[in-house]
Amino acid sequence: QVHLEESGGGSVQTGGSLRLSCASTGATYNRCMAWFRQGLGKEREGVAFIDADGLPTYPESVRGRFTISKDNVKKTVVLEMNELKPEDSAMYYCAARRIVFRSCNGDFDYWGQGTQVTVSS
């Protein structure tokens, strides 16, 4: 079983930046890793994905502002968030698929406990 643990959340003003980190007990090089978020009363939304080949994808809501990366030696996944907006306020979760699933399309099998991001307006 893969255990994921997020860190780096906090409170910032509109336009600020945060760096979220995810430490994985399992390998990161051979599976899809991702970041999701869920605001209060809202559905969970994927905000950044990086597949086994290192190809990142983003939804339009964060594209150009968020960057996902993997350090496969340290087994960490980082989400750099810039130009933050109040609508970015949410609990952010690190997630991973099973090794057999090299792409990011489908269900995620492992989840962290979440780290809170609050952007004031």
C-alpha atoms as a PDB file:
ATOM      1  CA  GLN A   1       0.000   0.000   0.000  1.00  0.00           C
ATOM      2  CA  VAL A   2       1.224   3.495  -0.901  1.00  0.00           C
ATOM      3  CA  HIS A   3       1.023   6.209   1.752  1.00  0.00           C
ATOM      4  CA  LEU A   4       0.918   9.861   0.668  1.00  0.00           C
ATOM      5  CA  GLU A   5       1.433  12.848   2.951  1.00  0.00           C
ATOM      6  CA  GLU A   6       0.927  16.473   1.897  1.00  0.00           C
ATOM      7  CA  SER A   7       2.489  19.598   3.370  1.00  0.00           C
ATOM      8  CA  GLY A   8       2.810  23.288   2.546  1.00  0.00           C
ATOM      9  CA  GLY A   9      -0.762  24.531   2.794  1.00  0.00           C
ATOM     10  CA  GLY A  10      -1.641  27.815   4.427  1.00  0.00           C
ATOM     11  CA  SER A  11      -3.320  31.194   4.037  1.00  0.00           C
ATOM     12  CA  VAL A  12      -2.291  33.769   1.437  1.00  0.00           C
ATOM     13  CA  GLN A  13      -3.698  36.909  -0.132  1.00  0.00           C
ATOM     14  CA  THR A  14      -4.978  37.107  -3.675  1.00  0.00           C
ATOM     15  CA  GLY A  15      -2.031  37.018  -6.071  1.00  0.00           C
ATOM     16  CA  GLY A  16       0.201  35.124  -3.674  1.00  0.00           C
ATOM     17  CA  SER A  17       1.994  31.814  -4.129  1.00  0.00           C
ATOM     18  CA  LEU A  18       2.226  28.503  -2.300  1.00  0.00           C
ATOM     19  CA  ARG A  19       4.308  25.365  -2.793  1.00  0.00           C
ATOM     20  CA  LEU A  20       2.651  22.088  -1.832  1.00  0.00           C
ATOM     21  CA  SER A  21       4.712  18.931  -1.380  1.00  0.00           C
ATOM     22  CA  CYS A  22       3.649  15.284  -1.347  1.00  0.00           C
ATOM     23  CA  ALA A  23       5.881  12.585   0.118  1.00  0.00           C
ATOM     24  CA  SER A  24       5.201   9.075  -1.205  1.00  0.00           C
ATOM     25  CA  THR A  25       6.206   5.740   0.287  1.00  0.00           C
ATOM     26  CA  GLY A  26       5.864   4.226  -3.187  1.00  0.00           C
ATOM     27  CA  ALA A  27       7.682   4.975  -6.422  1.00  0.00           C
ATOM     28  CA  THR A  28       6.650   8.042  -8.405  1.00  0.00           C
ATOM     29  CA  TYR A  29       8.478   7.436 -11.688  1.00  0.00           C
ATOM     30  CA  ASN A  30       6.297   4.585 -12.941  1.00  0.00           C
ATOM     31  CA  ARG A  31       2.794   5.801 -12.163  1.00  0.00           C
ATOM     32  CA  CYS A  32       0.510   8.792 -12.539  1.00  0.00           C
ATOM     33  CA  MET A  33       0.665  11.269  -9.669  1.00  0.00           C
ATOM     34  CA  ALA A  34      -1.829  14.093  -9.239  1.00  0.00           C
ATOM     35  CA  TRP A  35      -3.195  16.883  -7.116  1.00  0.00           C
ATOM     36  CA  PHE A  36      -6.926  17.309  -6.467  1.00  0.00           C
ATOM     37  CA  ARG A  37      -8.842  19.938  -4.537  1.00  0.00           C
ATOM     38  CA  GLN A  38     -12.271  20.184  -2.955  1.00  0.00           C
ATOM     39  CA  GLY A  39     -13.816  23.419  -1.738  1.00  0.00           C
ATOM     40  CA  LEU A  40     -16.547  23.480   0.883  1.00  0.00           C
ATOM     41  CA  GLY A  41     -19.794  22.307  -0.670  1.00  0.00           C
ATOM     42  CA  LYS A  42     -18.097  21.598  -4.002  1.00  0.00           C
ATOM     43  CA  GLU A  43     -17.126  18.457  -5.905  1.00  0.00           C
ATOM     44  CA  ARG A  44     -13.560  17.206  -5.964  1.00  0.00           C
ATOM     45  CA  GLU A  45     -11.606  18.597  -8.916  1.00  0.00           C
ATOM     46  CA  GLY A  46      -8.305  17.450 -10.411  1.00  0.00           C
ATOM     47  CA  VAL A  47      -5.936  20.423 -10.759  1.00  0.00           C
ATOM     48  CA  ALA A  48      -2.671  18.854 -11.915  1.00  0.00           C
ATOM     49  CA  PHE A  49      -1.606  15.463 -13.311  1.00  0.00           C
ATOM     50  CA  ILE A  50       1.772  14.025 -14.242  1.00  0.00           C
ATOM     51  CA  ASP A  51       1.968  10.604 -15.895  1.00  0.00           C
ATOM     52  CA  ALA A  52       4.663   7.926 -15.865  1.00  0.00           C
ATOM     53  CA  ASP A  53       6.478   9.657 -18.730  1.00  0.00           C
ATOM     54  CA  GLY A  54       6.521  12.977 -16.872  1.00  0.00           C
ATOM     55  CA  LEU A  55       3.875  14.625 -19.062  1.00  0.00           C
ATOM     56  CA  PRO A  56       1.873  17.190 -17.062  1.00  0.00           C
ATOM     57  CA  THR A  57      -1.717  18.208 -17.757  1.00  0.00           C
ATOM     58  CA  TYR A  58      -3.919  20.866 -16.176  1.00  0.00           C
ATOM     59  CA  PRO A  59      -7.542  21.974 -16.384  1.00  0.00           C
ATOM     60  CA  GLU A  60      -8.276  25.421 -17.753  1.00  0.00           C
ATOM     61  CA  SER A  61      -9.023  26.736 -14.266  1.00  0.00           C
ATOM     62  CA  VAL A  62      -5.347  26.564 -13.225  1.00  0.00           C
ATOM     63  CA  ARG A  63      -3.378  26.274 -16.479  1.00  0.00           C
ATOM     64  CA  GLY A  64      -0.564  28.826 -16.581  1.00  0.00           C
ATOM     65  CA  ARG A  65      -0.665  29.379 -12.813  1.00  0.00           C
ATOM     66  CA  PHE A  66       0.014  25.901 -11.365  1.00  0.00           C
ATOM     67  CA  THR A  67       2.970  23.620 -12.116  1.00  0.00           C
ATOM     68  CA  ILE A  68       3.316  19.970 -11.083  1.00  0.00           C
ATOM     69  CA  SER A  69       6.662  18.178 -10.932  1.00  0.00           C
ATOM     70  CA  LYS A  70       8.114  14.906  -9.617  1.00  0.00           C
ATOM     71  CA  ASP A  71      11.427  14.110  -7.993  1.00  0.00           C
ATOM     72  CA  ASN A  72      11.593  10.367  -8.566  1.00  0.00           C
ATOM     73  CA  VAL A  73      14.690   9.921  -6.384  1.00  0.00           C
ATOM     74  CA  LYS A  74      13.166  11.635  -3.357  1.00  0.00           C
ATOM     75  CA  LYS A  75       9.733  10.228  -4.269  1.00  0.00           C
ATOM     76  CA  THR A  76       8.047  13.589  -3.908  1.00  0.00           C
ATOM     77  CA  VAL A  77       5.472  15.449  -5.975  1.00  0.00           C
ATOM     78  CA  VAL A  78       5.366  19.241  -5.859  1.00  0.00           C
ATOM     79  CA  LEU A  79       2.589  21.628  -6.835  1.00  0.00           C
ATOM     80  CA  GLU A  80       3.731  25.209  -7.379  1.00  0.00           C
ATOM     81  CA  MET A  81       0.752  27.569  -7.231  1.00  0.00           C
ATOM     82  CA  ASN A  82       1.079  31.172  -8.400  1.00  0.00           C
ATOM     83  CA  GLU A  83      -1.315  34.097  -8.834  1.00  0.00           C
ATOM     84  CA  LEU A  84      -3.725  32.507  -6.393  1.00  0.00           C
ATOM     85  CA  LYS A  85      -7.370  33.539  -6.417  1.00  0.00           C
ATOM     86  CA  PRO A  86     -10.110  33.185  -3.776  1.00  0.00           C
ATOM     87  CA  GLU A  87     -11.683  30.459  -5.945  1.00  0.00           C
ATOM     88  CA  ASP A  88      -8.530  28.383  -5.381  1.00  0.00           C
ATOM     89  CA  SER A  89      -9.404  28.031  -1.680  1.00  0.00           C
ATOM     90  CA  ALA A  90      -9.891  24.328  -0.973  1.00  0.00           C
ATOM     91  CA  MET A  91      -8.501  21.248   0.675  1.00  0.00           C
ATOM     92  CA  TYR A  92      -5.751  19.962  -1.620  1.00  0.00           C
ATOM     93  CA  TYR A  93      -5.049  16.227  -1.881  1.00  0.00           C
ATOM     94  CA  CYS A  94      -2.155  14.290  -3.356  1.00  0.00           C
ATOM     95  CA  ALA A  95      -3.205  11.145  -5.221  1.00  0.00           C
ATOM     96  CA  ALA A  96      -1.613   8.241  -7.076  1.00  0.00           C
ATOM     97  CA  ARG A  97      -2.729   5.460  -9.400  1.00  0.00           C
ATOM     98  CA  ARG A  98      -1.507   1.884  -9.364  1.00  0.00           C
ATOM     99  CA  ILE A  99       1.746   1.212 -11.224  1.00  0.00           C
ATOM    100  CA  VAL A 100      -0.080  -0.720 -13.946  1.00  0.00           C
ATOM    101  CA  PHE A 101      -1.931   2.488 -14.904  1.00  0.00           C
ATOM    102  CA  ARG A 102       0.683   4.661 -16.581  1.00  0.00           C
ATOM    103  CA  SER A 103      -1.815   7.290 -17.751  1.00  0.00           C
ATOM    104  CA  CYS A 104      -3.828   9.651 -15.546  1.00  0.00           C
ATOM    105  CA  ASN A 105      -7.257   8.833 -16.970  1.00  0.00           C
ATOM    106  CA  GLY A 106      -9.212   6.758 -14.478  1.00  0.00           C
ATOM    107  CA  ASP A 107      -9.678   6.187 -10.771  1.00  0.00           C
ATOM    108  CA  PHE A 108      -6.970   7.004  -8.255  1.00  0.00           C
ATOM    109  CA  ASP A 109      -6.127   4.340  -5.696  1.00  0.00           C
ATOM    110  CA  TYR A 110      -4.058   6.165  -3.080  1.00  0.00           C
ATOM    111  CA  TRP A 111      -4.859   9.462  -1.347  1.00  0.00           C
ATOM    112  CA  GLY A 112      -3.210  11.733   1.183  1.00  0.00           C
ATOM    113  CA  GLN A 113      -4.985  13.322   4.128  1.00  0.00           C
ATOM    114  CA  GLY A 114      -5.120  16.758   2.519  1.00  0.00           C
ATOM    115  CA  THR A 115      -3.663  20.196   3.223  1.00  0.00           C
ATOM    116  CA  GLN A 116      -5.780  23.349   3.444  1.00  0.00           C
ATOM    117  CA  VAL A 117      -5.240  26.331   1.144  1.00  0.00           C
ATOM    118  CA  THR A 118      -7.081  29.570   1.881  1.00  0.00           C
ATOM    119  CA  VAL A 119      -6.839  32.623  -0.384  1.00  0.00           C
ATOM    120  CA  SER A 120      -8.269  35.832   1.062  1.00  0.00           C
ATOM    121  CA  SER A 121      -9.949  38.554  -0.983  1.00  0.00           C
END
